[in-house]
C-alpha cells in the first residue's frame, strides 16, 4: 500500500520498489532482474502522472 500511495503522489521509493520486486520474484519464480526492468517502467509511468492527479484532486471541493 505504501508503494502505491508513494507512486500515486508522483514520488519514487527505491526501497519500496525493491521490496515489491523481491516479493513478486519470489512468488512467481522469475528472476528479480527480469521483473525489475518492466516494473521500473511501470513505476515511472505511474509516478509521472502524479502531479496531474494531485492537481485534479485539489480542484475537487470537499463538502463539509
N, C-alpha and C. Protein backbone atom coordinates (compact mmCIF):
# COMPACT_ATOMS: atom_id res chain seq x y z
N UNK A 1 0.82 -1.18 0.00
CA UNK A 1 0.00 0.00 0.00
C UNK A 1 0.88 1.26 0.00
N UNK A 2 1.98 1.21 0.74
CA UNK A 2 2.86 2.38 0.81
C UNK A 2 3.44 2.73 -0.56
N UNK A 3 3.81 1.71 -1.33
CA UNK A 3 4.36 1.98 -2.66
C UNK A 3 3.30 2.58 -3.56
N UNK A 4 2.10 2.05 -3.52
CA UNK A 4 1.02 2.59 -4.35
C UNK A 4 0.77 4.05 -4.02
N UNK A 5 0.71 4.37 -2.73
CA UNK A 5 0.47 5.75 -2.31
C UNK A 5 1.62 6.67 -2.76
N UNK A 6 2.83 6.19 -2.61
CA UNK A 6 4.02 6.97 -2.99
C UNK A 6 4.01 7.27 -4.49
N UNK A 7 3.80 6.24 -5.30
CA UNK A 7 3.78 6.41 -6.75
C UNK A 7 2.62 7.29 -7.18
N UNK A 8 1.46 7.10 -6.56
CA UNK A 8 0.26 7.86 -6.92
C UNK A 8 0.49 9.36 -6.74
N UNK A 9 1.32 9.70 -5.74
CA UNK A 9 1.61 11.10 -5.47
C UNK A 9 2.77 11.63 -6.32
N UNK A 10 3.31 10.80 -7.19
CA UNK A 10 4.36 11.24 -8.11
C UNK A 10 5.77 11.09 -7.57
N UNK A 11 5.92 10.28 -6.53
CA UNK A 11 7.25 10.08 -5.96
C UNK A 11 7.68 8.64 -6.19
N UNK A 12 8.98 8.42 -6.06
CA UNK A 12 9.55 7.07 -6.19
C UNK A 12 10.25 6.72 -4.89
N UNK A 13 10.27 5.44 -4.55
CA UNK A 13 10.98 4.94 -3.38
C UNK A 13 11.71 3.68 -3.77
N UNK A 14 13.03 3.77 -3.88
CA UNK A 14 13.82 2.61 -4.28
C UNK A 14 13.63 1.45 -3.30
N UNK A 15 13.55 1.78 -2.02
CA UNK A 15 13.38 0.72 -1.02
C UNK A 15 12.06 -0.03 -1.20
N UNK A 16 10.98 0.71 -1.33
CA UNK A 16 9.67 0.07 -1.50
C UNK A 16 9.58 -0.69 -2.82
N UNK A 17 10.14 -0.13 -3.87
CA UNK A 17 10.11 -0.78 -5.18
C UNK A 17 10.90 -2.08 -5.15
N UNK A 18 12.05 -2.05 -4.49
CA UNK A 18 12.87 -3.27 -4.39
C UNK A 18 12.15 -4.35 -3.58
N UNK A 19 11.52 -3.93 -2.49
CA UNK A 19 10.80 -4.90 -1.66
C UNK A 19 9.70 -5.59 -2.46
N UNK A 20 8.96 -4.80 -3.24
CA UNK A 20 7.90 -5.40 -4.06
C UNK A 20 8.51 -6.32 -5.12
N UNK A 21 9.59 -5.88 -5.75
CA UNK A 21 10.24 -6.70 -6.77
C UNK A 21 10.70 -8.04 -6.22
N UNK A 22 11.26 -8.04 -5.04
CA UNK A 22 11.71 -9.29 -4.40
C UNK A 22 10.51 -10.19 -4.11
N UNK A 23 9.44 -9.61 -3.59
CA UNK A 23 8.24 -10.40 -3.28
C UNK A 23 7.64 -11.02 -4.54
N UNK A 24 7.55 -10.23 -5.60
CA UNK A 24 6.98 -10.74 -6.85
C UNK A 24 7.88 -11.82 -7.44
N UNK A 25 9.18 -11.60 -7.41
CA UNK A 25 10.12 -12.59 -7.94
C UNK A 25 10.02 -13.90 -7.16
N UNK A 26 9.95 -13.80 -5.86
CA UNK A 26 9.86 -14.99 -5.02
C UNK A 26 8.55 -15.74 -5.28
N UNK A 27 7.46 -15.01 -5.33
CA UNK A 27 6.15 -15.64 -5.53
C UNK A 27 5.99 -16.24 -6.93
N UNK A 28 6.61 -15.61 -7.92
CA UNK A 28 6.42 -16.06 -9.30
C UNK A 28 7.48 -17.04 -9.78
N UNK A 29 8.61 -17.08 -9.08
CA UNK A 29 9.71 -17.94 -9.53
C UNK A 29 10.54 -17.33 -10.64
N UNK A 30 10.27 -16.07 -10.99
CA UNK A 30 11.05 -15.38 -12.01
C UNK A 30 12.26 -14.72 -11.37
N UNK A 31 13.27 -14.47 -12.19
CA UNK A 31 14.47 -13.78 -11.71
C UNK A 31 14.13 -12.33 -11.40
N UNK A 32 14.70 -11.84 -10.31
CA UNK A 32 14.45 -10.47 -9.86
C UNK A 32 14.69 -9.46 -10.98
N UNK A 33 15.84 -9.55 -11.65
CA UNK A 33 16.17 -8.56 -12.66
C UNK A 33 15.31 -8.67 -13.92
N UNK A 34 14.75 -9.84 -14.17
CA UNK A 34 13.83 -9.97 -15.30
C UNK A 34 12.53 -9.21 -15.03
N UNK A 35 12.19 -9.08 -13.76
CA UNK A 35 10.97 -8.36 -13.39
C UNK A 35 11.20 -6.88 -13.16
N UNK A 36 12.35 -6.51 -12.66
CA UNK A 36 12.57 -5.13 -12.25
C UNK A 36 12.60 -4.15 -13.42
N UNK A 37 13.04 -4.56 -14.57
CA UNK A 37 13.06 -3.63 -15.70
C UNK A 37 11.63 -3.25 -16.11
N UNK A 38 10.72 -4.22 -16.33
CA UNK A 38 9.35 -3.81 -16.66
C UNK A 38 8.64 -3.14 -15.48
N UNK A 39 8.93 -3.58 -14.25
CA UNK A 39 8.32 -2.92 -13.09
C UNK A 39 8.80 -1.47 -12.98
N UNK A 40 10.07 -1.23 -13.23
CA UNK A 40 10.60 0.13 -13.16
C UNK A 40 9.90 1.03 -14.18
N UNK A 41 9.69 0.50 -15.37
CA UNK A 41 8.96 1.27 -16.40
C UNK A 41 7.54 1.58 -15.93
N UNK A 42 6.88 0.60 -15.33
CA UNK A 42 5.53 0.81 -14.82
C UNK A 42 5.52 1.84 -13.70
N UNK A 43 6.45 1.72 -12.75
CA UNK A 43 6.53 2.68 -11.65
C UNK A 43 6.76 4.09 -12.17
N UNK A 44 7.60 4.22 -13.16
CA UNK A 44 7.89 5.55 -13.73
C UNK A 44 6.65 6.16 -14.37
N UNK A 45 5.90 5.34 -15.11
CA UNK A 45 4.68 5.86 -15.76
C UNK A 45 3.66 6.31 -14.72
N UNK A 46 3.49 5.53 -13.67
CA UNK A 46 2.52 5.89 -12.63
C UNK A 46 2.96 7.17 -11.93
N UNK A 47 4.23 7.24 -11.53
CA UNK A 47 4.74 8.41 -10.81
C UNK A 47 4.71 9.66 -11.68
N UNK A 48 4.96 9.51 -12.97
CA UNK A 48 4.99 10.67 -13.86
C UNK A 48 3.65 11.39 -13.92
N UNK A 49 2.57 10.67 -13.72
CA UNK A 49 1.24 11.28 -13.77
C UNK A 49 0.80 11.81 -12.41
N UNK A 50 1.61 11.62 -11.38
CA UNK A 50 1.25 12.02 -10.03
C UNK A 50 0.90 13.50 -9.88
N UNK A 51 1.72 14.40 -10.36
CA UNK A 51 1.37 15.82 -10.21
C UNK A 51 0.03 16.19 -10.83
N UNK A 52 -0.29 15.62 -11.96
CA UNK A 52 -1.58 15.88 -12.60
C UNK A 52 -2.73 15.37 -11.75
N UNK A 53 -2.56 14.16 -11.20
CA UNK A 53 -3.60 13.61 -10.32
C UNK A 53 -3.79 14.48 -9.09
N UNK A 54 -2.69 14.91 -8.49
CA UNK A 54 -2.79 15.73 -7.28
C UNK A 54 -3.45 17.07 -7.57
N UNK A 55 -3.14 17.68 -8.70
CA UNK A 55 -3.77 18.94 -9.06
C UNK A 55 -5.27 18.75 -9.28
N UNK A 56 -5.65 17.66 -9.91
CA UNK A 56 -7.07 17.36 -10.14
C UNK A 56 -7.79 17.16 -8.82
N UNK A 57 -7.15 16.48 -7.88
CA UNK A 57 -7.75 16.24 -6.56
C UNK A 57 -7.92 17.53 -5.80
N UNK A 58 -6.97 18.43 -5.93
CA UNK A 58 -7.03 19.70 -5.22
C UNK A 58 -8.16 20.59 -5.72
N UNK A 59 -8.57 20.37 -6.96
CA UNK A 59 -9.63 21.20 -7.54
C UNK A 59 -11.03 20.73 -7.16
N UNK A 60 -11.15 19.53 -6.59
CA UNK A 60 -12.45 18.98 -6.23
C UNK A 60 -12.83 19.52 -4.85
N UNK A 61 -13.95 20.24 -4.77
CA UNK A 61 -14.34 20.78 -3.46
C UNK A 61 -14.78 19.66 -2.52
N UNK A 62 -14.50 19.84 -1.26
CA UNK A 62 -14.91 18.89 -0.24
C UNK A 62 -16.11 19.48 0.50
N UNK A 63 -17.20 18.75 0.51
CA UNK A 63 -18.40 19.20 1.23
C UNK A 63 -18.19 19.00 2.72
N UNK A 64 -18.54 20.03 3.51
CA UNK A 64 -18.38 19.87 4.97
C UNK A 64 -19.41 18.94 5.57
